[in-house]
């Protein structure tokens, strides 16, 4: 009985958490040096009444040259100012997917009160090496949430789409190899500060057109995400060029911003908004190579329905085998005690 009791006290209910998802310009460098855009994001604020556009752009470059620049066309002379990078983080937070917690209770199948096999909640590094200018880590994870936490801890950029992409691989026990440019490698990744350009234009646009050498076949397969936060009085959509061709940018989030969020964003951008209501639409373009033969122009969308990211479901799993065993022990102890108590009452009577 003592062994059974000790076993049950060890096998207490333990929560196991798992995650499932049911997150334009021309570069100009030295001759012979490689400069390309690794990723970029932009905030576009469009005031239809005044026909003024505010364009805030932030980009990350791959470059092997100590100095380089980039060119951004606008239809009229712009006013330039440095912008607050925190505005991008704020909009990412505002549009982050809802986190839904689900609790599940599982009974350990071993009725004999064995410990059973507890589901893991961590990440195991199977191998690490430097190869071809990269620091590579071969990973094995028990949950996409744990893997996402590992990536964040090791300074990898994550987003809802990446978490959703990882989930089925982790579920099927695939191995994930994470590459990062070695710190002493020749190529360096350079992040530019956010710059705000304010200018008059008859219609809002994003400078999407690129030189032919930036959209050539050599760009195919290289990771490059463009995210555009478009702010106006309603939901908009993008069209490619004067021919109004389809733009590969997908609407991943759209809806009216709450007044509190509008005020906080205005404070970050140091710019008052005369637009009511303020409607945010988020576009993601991960095409490679990009069809950068023309600029993207924005027009009101035919549908004004709201869109949100799919919720991130966090499942808390509790193994209740320990409590089941404890209940069995209580019953086993109680039965002889009750029998003794009844016999005692009978003798007294």
Protein backbone atom coordinates (compact mmCIF):
# COMPACT_ATOMS: atom_id res chain seq x y z
CA UNK A 1 0.00 0.00 0.00
CA UNK A 2 2.89 2.38 0.77
CA UNK A 3 4.36 1.78 -2.71
CA UNK A 4 1.01 2.49 -4.35
CA UNK A 5 0.59 5.69 -2.37
CA UNK A 6 4.11 6.89 -3.24
CA UNK A 7 3.49 6.20 -6.94
CA UNK A 8 0.28 8.21 -6.92
CA UNK A 9 1.80 11.17 -5.11
CA UNK A 10 4.48 11.40 -7.83
CA UNK A 11 2.00 11.14 -10.73
CA UNK A 12 0.21 14.43 -9.99
CA UNK A 13 -1.65 16.41 -12.63
CA UNK A 14 0.85 18.33 -14.80
CA UNK A 15 -0.15 20.90 -17.49
CA UNK A 16 1.38 20.33 -20.91
CA UNK A 17 1.06 23.31 -23.29
CA UNK A 18 1.07 22.95 -27.06
CA UNK A 19 0.31 25.42 -29.84
CA UNK A 20 -1.74 24.88 -32.94
CA UNK A 21 -3.17 27.26 -35.49
CA UNK A 22 -6.72 25.82 -36.38
CA UNK A 23 1.20 35.76 -37.38
CA UNK A 24 9.96 48.81 -53.71
CA UNK A 25 12.59 50.74 -54.47
CA UNK A 26 15.91 50.56 -56.27
CA UNK A 27 19.05 49.86 -54.26
CA UNK A 28 22.20 51.71 -55.23
CA UNK A 29 25.54 50.29 -54.09
CA UNK A 30 29.09 50.23 -55.33
CA UNK A 31 29.76 48.65 -58.70
CA UNK A 32 30.34 44.92 -58.39
CA UNK A 33 28.95 44.82 -54.85
CA UNK A 34 25.74 42.96 -54.02
CA UNK A 35 22.91 44.86 -52.32
CA UNK A 36 19.42 43.44 -52.08
CA UNK A 37 16.36 43.96 -49.91
CA UNK A 38 15.87 41.08 -47.48
CA UNK A 39 12.56 42.32 -46.10
CA UNK A 40 10.58 45.51 -45.80
CA UNK A 41 7.48 46.96 -44.22
CA UNK A 42 5.64 50.22 -44.77
CA UNK A 43 2.92 52.32 -43.19
CA UNK A 44 0.75 54.27 -45.64
CA UNK A 45 -1.66 56.89 -44.32
CA UNK A 46 -4.06 58.19 -47.00
CA UNK A 47 -6.20 61.32 -46.52
CA UNK A 48 -8.63 61.42 -49.46
CA UNK A 49 -9.93 64.91 -48.61
CA UNK A 50 -6.53 66.59 -48.88
CA UNK A 51 -5.08 64.01 -51.31
CA UNK A 52 -2.03 63.70 -49.09
CA UNK A 53 -0.13 60.51 -48.43
CA UNK A 54 2.24 59.76 -45.60
CA UNK A 55 4.64 56.97 -46.46
CA UNK A 56 6.78 55.43 -43.71
CA UNK A 57 9.16 52.73 -44.81
CA UNK A 58 11.51 50.39 -43.00
CA UNK A 59 13.76 47.88 -44.76
CA UNK A 60 16.44 45.30 -44.04
CA UNK A 61 19.20 44.82 -46.60
CA UNK A 62 21.73 42.14 -47.46
CA UNK A 63 24.90 43.91 -48.48
CA UNK A 64 28.64 43.28 -48.90
CA UNK A 65 29.46 46.94 -49.37
CA UNK A 66 30.14 49.46 -46.58
CA UNK A 67 27.96 52.14 -48.14
CA UNK A 68 24.88 52.01 -50.31
CA UNK A 69 21.57 53.80 -50.84
CA UNK A 70 18.10 53.24 -52.26
CA UNK A 71 15.75 55.25 -54.45
CA UNK A 72 12.02 55.82 -53.79
CA UNK A 73 9.89 57.68 -56.41
CA UNK A 74 7.01 59.97 -55.43
CA UNK A 75 4.61 61.98 -57.68
CA UNK A 76 5.43 65.32 -55.98
CA UNK A 77 8.17 66.82 -53.82
CA UNK A 78 8.06 65.11 -50.44
CA UNK A 79 8.67 66.42 -46.96
CA UNK A 80 11.10 64.14 -45.15
CA UNK A 81 11.33 63.29 -41.46
CA UNK A 82 12.60 60.48 -39.28
CA UNK A 83 9.81 58.23 -38.02
CA UNK A 84 9.37 56.17 -34.89
CA UNK A 85 10.13 52.47 -35.42
CA UNK A 86 7.79 51.64 -32.54
CA UNK A 87 4.80 52.38 -34.77
CA UNK A 88 5.50 49.14 -36.65
CA UNK A 89 5.70 47.14 -33.42
CA UNK A 90 2.46 48.75 -32.24
CA UNK A 91 0.59 47.78 -35.42
CA UNK A 92 1.96 44.23 -35.20
CA UNK A 93 0.60 44.08 -31.65
CA UNK A 94 -2.79 45.51 -32.63
CA UNK A 95 -3.23 42.94 -35.39
CA UNK A 96 -1.79 39.97 -33.47
CA UNK A 97 -4.04 36.89 -33.51
CA UNK A 98 -6.28 36.17 -30.55
CA UNK A 99 -4.92 33.59 -28.12
CA UNK A 100 -7.55 31.01 -27.12
CA UNK A 101 -6.83 28.65 -24.22
CA UNK A 102 -8.38 25.17 -24.22
CA UNK A 103 -8.08 22.75 -21.32
CA UNK A 104 -7.98 19.01 -21.91
CA UNK A 105 -7.88 16.32 -19.23
CA UNK A 106 -6.35 12.94 -20.08
CA UNK A 107 -6.36 9.82 -17.93
CA UNK A 108 -3.08 7.93 -17.86
CA UNK A 109 -3.98 4.51 -19.34
CA UNK A 110 -1.85 2.57 -16.82
CA UNK A 111 -4.40 1.87 -14.05
CA UNK A 112 -1.60 0.32 -11.97
CA UNK A 113 -0.53 3.93 -11.31
CA UNK A 114 2.60 3.87 -13.43
CA UNK A 115 4.25 7.16 -14.26
CA UNK A 116 3.42 6.80 -17.93
CA UNK A 117 5.19 8.79 -20.66
CA UNK A 118 4.84 12.51 -20.19
CA UNK A 119 4.56 14.57 -23.35
CA UNK A 120 7.58 16.81 -23.75
CA UNK A 121 7.41 20.57 -23.84
CA UNK A 122 10.89 21.55 -24.96
CA UNK A 123 13.29 21.82 -27.86
CA UNK A 124 16.31 19.57 -28.30
CA UNK A 125 19.33 20.75 -30.30
CA UNK A 126 20.44 17.66 -32.23
CA UNK A 127 23.40 19.28 -33.98
CA UNK A 128 25.12 22.66 -34.36
CA UNK A 129 27.75 23.63 -36.89
CA UNK A 130 29.02 26.45 -39.04
CA UNK A 131 28.50 25.75 -42.72
CA UNK A 132 28.77 27.98 -45.81
CA UNK A 133 28.88 31.14 -43.73
CA UNK A 134 25.90 30.14 -41.58
CA UNK A 135 25.47 29.01 -38.00
CA UNK A 136 23.13 26.02 -38.36
CA UNK A 137 21.12 24.35 -35.59
CA UNK A 138 19.21 21.11 -36.16
CA UNK A 139 16.20 21.13 -33.86
CA UNK A 140 13.60 18.68 -32.60
CA UNK A 141 10.57 20.12 -30.82
CA UNK A 142 7.63 18.78 -28.84
CA UNK A 143 5.39 21.71 -29.70
CA UNK A 144 5.30 24.61 -32.14
CA UNK A 145 4.98 26.97 -29.15
CA UNK A 146 8.24 25.71 -27.66
CA UNK A 147 9.96 25.98 -31.03
CA UNK A 148 8.66 29.51 -31.52
CA UNK A 149 9.98 30.46 -28.05
CA UNK A 150 13.39 29.00 -28.94
CA UNK A 151 13.51 31.05 -32.15
CA UNK A 152 12.60 34.25 -30.29
CA UNK A 153 15.21 33.54 -27.61
CA UNK A 154 17.88 33.09 -30.30
CA UNK A 155 16.92 36.33 -32.09
CA UNK A 156 15.01 34.89 -35.03
CA UNK A 157 12.12 36.98 -36.40
CA UNK A 158 8.82 35.12 -36.02
CA UNK A 159 5.26 35.92 -37.09
CA UNK A 160 1.83 34.21 -37.09
CA UNK A 161 2.33 32.80 -40.60
CA UNK A 162 5.63 31.22 -39.53
CA UNK A 163 4.05 29.63 -36.45
CA UNK A 164 1.26 28.21 -38.59
CA UNK A 165 3.81 26.85 -41.07
CA UNK A 166 5.79 25.13 -38.30
CA UNK A 167 2.81 23.45 -36.59
CA UNK A 168 2.25 20.49 -38.99
CA UNK A 169 5.98 19.71 -39.21
CA UNK A 170 6.30 19.61 -35.43
CA UNK A 171 3.15 17.51 -35.17
CA UNK A 172 4.66 14.97 -37.59
CA UNK A 173 7.99 15.01 -35.69
CA UNK A 174 10.03 16.50 -38.51
CA UNK A 175 13.39 18.11 -37.73
CA UNK A 176 13.83 21.84 -38.26
CA UNK A 177 17.21 23.32 -39.27
CA UNK A 178 17.61 26.99 -38.38
CA UNK A 179 20.19 29.02 -40.34
CA UNK A 180 21.63 32.35 -39.29
CA UNK A 181 24.34 34.34 -41.02
CA UNK A 182 27.55 33.89 -39.04
CA UNK A 183 28.64 37.04 -37.23
CA UNK A 184 32.01 37.05 -38.90
CA UNK A 185 30.64 36.22 -42.36
CA UNK A 186 31.35 38.55 -45.28
CA UNK A 187 27.72 39.48 -45.88
CA UNK A 188 26.03 41.63 -43.30
CA UNK A 189 22.37 42.36 -42.76
CA UNK A 190 21.69 46.06 -42.33
CA UNK A 191 18.42 47.49 -41.05
CA UNK A 192 17.55 51.03 -42.07
CA UNK A 193 15.80 53.51 -39.79
CA UNK A 194 12.19 54.32 -40.58
CA UNK A 195 11.73 57.42 -42.78
CA UNK A 196 8.47 59.33 -43.26
CA UNK A 197 7.73 60.94 -46.63
CA UNK A 198 4.69 63.23 -46.90
CA UNK A 199 3.55 64.23 -50.39
CA UNK A 200 0.56 65.11 -52.51
CA UNK A 201 -0.80 62.49 -54.87
CA UNK A 202 -4.14 62.00 -56.65
CA UNK A 203 -4.24 58.37 -55.51
CA UNK A 204 -2.35 56.39 -52.88
CA UNK A 205 0.39 54.06 -54.05
CA UNK A 206 3.36 51.94 -53.03
CA UNK A 207 6.60 52.28 -55.08
CA UNK A 208 6.69 48.63 -56.12
CA UNK A 209 8.48 48.92 -59.45
CA UNK A 210 12.09 47.72 -59.42
CA UNK A 211 15.03 47.60 -61.85
CA UNK A 212 15.22 44.42 -63.88
CA UNK A 213 18.34 43.18 -62.09
CA UNK A 214 16.53 43.27 -58.75
CA UNK A 215 13.67 41.10 -59.99
CA UNK A 216 15.72 38.71 -62.09
CA UNK A 217 15.89 34.97 -61.76
CA UNK A 218 18.73 35.24 -59.24
CA UNK A 219 16.18 36.46 -56.68
CA UNK A 220 14.03 33.34 -56.99
CA UNK A 221 13.75 31.31 -53.81
CA UNK A 222 15.25 33.97 -51.53
CA UNK A 223 13.13 34.87 -48.55
CA UNK A 224 11.67 38.36 -48.90
CA UNK A 225 8.51 39.58 -47.20
CA UNK A 226 6.80 42.89 -47.87
CA UNK A 227 4.18 43.94 -45.31
CA UNK A 228 2.11 47.08 -45.91
CA UNK A 229 -0.03 48.69 -43.19
CA UNK A 230 -2.56 50.81 -45.09
CA UNK A 231 -4.58 53.39 -43.11
CA UNK A 232 -7.57 55.19 -44.64
CA UNK A 233 -11.28 55.79 -44.05
CA UNK A 234 -12.29 52.35 -45.35
CA UNK A 235 -10.96 49.04 -46.59
CA UNK A 236 -8.74 49.28 -49.68
CA UNK A 237 -7.21 46.79 -52.12
CA UNK A 238 -4.14 46.99 -54.34
CA UNK A 239 -3.80 46.90 -58.12
CA UNK A 240 -0.62 46.57 -60.14
CA UNK A 241 0.01 49.44 -62.58
CA UNK A 242 -2.25 51.34 -64.94
CA UNK A 243 -3.49 48.07 -66.43
CA UNK A 244 -4.96 47.20 -63.00
CA UNK A 245 -3.37 43.77 -62.94
CA UNK A 246 -3.59 41.48 -59.95
CA UNK A 247 -1.05 42.24 -57.22
CA UNK A 248 0.23 39.22 -55.25
CA UNK A 249 -0.15 41.13 -51.98
CA UNK A 250 -2.76 39.33 -49.88
CA UNK A 251 -5.12 41.00 -47.40
CA UNK A 252 -4.34 39.24 -44.13
CA UNK A 253 -6.02 41.65 -41.68
CA UNK A 254 -8.50 44.51 -42.08
CA UNK A 255 -10.84 46.41 -39.79
CA UNK A 256 -11.63 49.64 -37.98
CA UNK A 257 -9.16 50.65 -35.27
CA UNK A 258 -10.55 51.47 -31.81
CA UNK A 259 -10.29 55.12 -30.75
CA UNK A 260 -7.68 54.31 -28.08
CA UNK A 261 -5.46 52.63 -30.69
CA UNK A 262 -5.86 55.60 -33.05
CA UNK A 263 -4.72 58.01 -30.35
CA UNK A 264 -1.72 55.87 -29.41
CA UNK A 265 -0.68 55.47 -33.05
CA UNK A 266 -1.00 59.23 -33.63
CA UNK A 267 1.29 59.86 -30.66
CA UNK A 268 3.89 57.42 -31.99
CA UNK A 269 3.82 58.95 -35.48
CA UNK A 270 3.62 62.51 -34.09
CA UNK A 271 0.94 63.24 -36.67
CA UNK A 272 -2.74 64.07 -36.00
CA UNK A 273 -5.29 62.06 -37.99
CA UNK A 274 -8.25 63.84 -39.57
CA UNK A 275 -9.63 60.56 -40.89
CA UNK A 276 -12.78 59.14 -39.30
CA UNK A 277 -13.05 56.26 -38.97
CA UNK A 278 -9.45 55.07 -39.27
CA UNK A 279 -9.48 51.73 -41.05
CA UNK A 280 -6.38 49.51 -41.14
CA UNK A 281 -5.68 46.96 -43.88
CA UNK A 282 -2.57 44.75 -43.76
CA UNK A 283 -1.14 43.33 -46.98
CA UNK A 284 1.53 40.58 -47.15
CA UNK A 285 3.52 39.98 -50.33
CA UNK A 286 6.04 37.12 -50.23
CA UNK A 287 6.28 36.57 -53.99
CA UNK A 288 9.72 35.68 -55.37
CA UNK A 289 10.62 36.99 -57.84
CA UNK A 290 8.30 39.97 -57.59
CA UNK A 291 6.39 41.22 -60.62
CA UNK A 292 7.98 44.61 -60.04
CA UNK A 293 7.29 46.05 -63.48
CA UNK A 294 4.85 48.67 -62.14
CA UNK A 295 3.81 50.41 -58.95
CA UNK A 296 0.90 49.34 -56.74
CA UNK A 297 -2.09 51.72 -56.59
CA UNK A 298 -4.76 51.39 -53.91
CA UNK A 299 -8.51 51.69 -54.52
CA UNK A 300 -11.54 51.15 -52.23
CA UNK A 301 -12.39 47.45 -51.97
CA UNK A 302 -15.75 46.16 -53.15
CA UNK A 303 -16.14 44.27 -49.86
CA UNK A 304 -15.94 46.17 -46.58
CA UNK A 305 -16.03 43.13 -44.30
CA UNK A 306 -13.41 42.73 -41.59
CA UNK A 307 -10.71 40.03 -41.66
CA UNK A 308 -8.64 38.74 -38.74
CA UNK A 309 -5.75 36.31 -38.36
CA UNK A 310 -6.84 32.79 -37.32
CA UNK A 311 -6.70 32.41 -33.53
CA UNK A 312 -3.69 30.80 -31.90
CA UNK A 313 -4.99 27.92 -29.79
CA UNK A 314 -3.00 27.10 -26.66
CA UNK A 315 -3.97 23.71 -25.32
CA UNK A 316 -3.34 22.99 -21.67
CA UNK A 317 -3.32 19.24 -21.19
CA UNK A 318 -3.68 17.84 -17.69
CA UNK A 319 -2.86 14.23 -16.90
CA UNK A 320 -5.17 13.19 -14.05
CA UNK A 321 -3.82 9.67 -13.56
CA UNK A 322 -2.28 10.72 -10.27
CA UNK A 323 -5.59 11.91 -8.88
CA UNK A 324 -7.27 8.73 -10.13
CA UNK A 325 -4.71 6.63 -8.32
CA UNK A 326 -5.12 8.68 -5.18
CA UNK A 327 -8.86 8.07 -5.33
CA UNK A 328 -8.29 4.32 -5.65
CA UNK A 329 -6.00 4.42 -2.61
CA UNK A 330 -8.61 6.29 -0.59
CA UNK A 331 -11.25 3.72 -1.51
CA UNK A 332 -8.94 0.79 -0.68
CA UNK A 333 -8.12 2.28 2.69
CA UNK A 334 -11.70 3.30 3.45
CA UNK A 335 -13.28 -0.14 2.85
CA UNK A 336 -11.48 -2.04 5.65
CA UNK A 337 -11.95 0.93 7.98
CA UNK A 338 -15.70 0.91 7.32
CA UNK A 339 -15.86 -2.87 7.85
CA UNK A 340 -14.00 -2.52 11.15
CA UNK A 341 -16.31 0.31 12.23
CA UNK A 342 -19.43 -1.77 11.43
CA UNK A 343 -18.11 -4.80 13.31
CA UNK A 344 -17.29 -2.58 16.22
CA UNK A 345 -20.83 -1.23 16.30
CA UNK A 346 -22.19 -4.77 16.14
CA UNK A 347 -20.15 -5.93 19.12
CA UNK A 348 -21.23 -2.95 21.17
CA UNK A 349 -24.88 -3.56 20.34
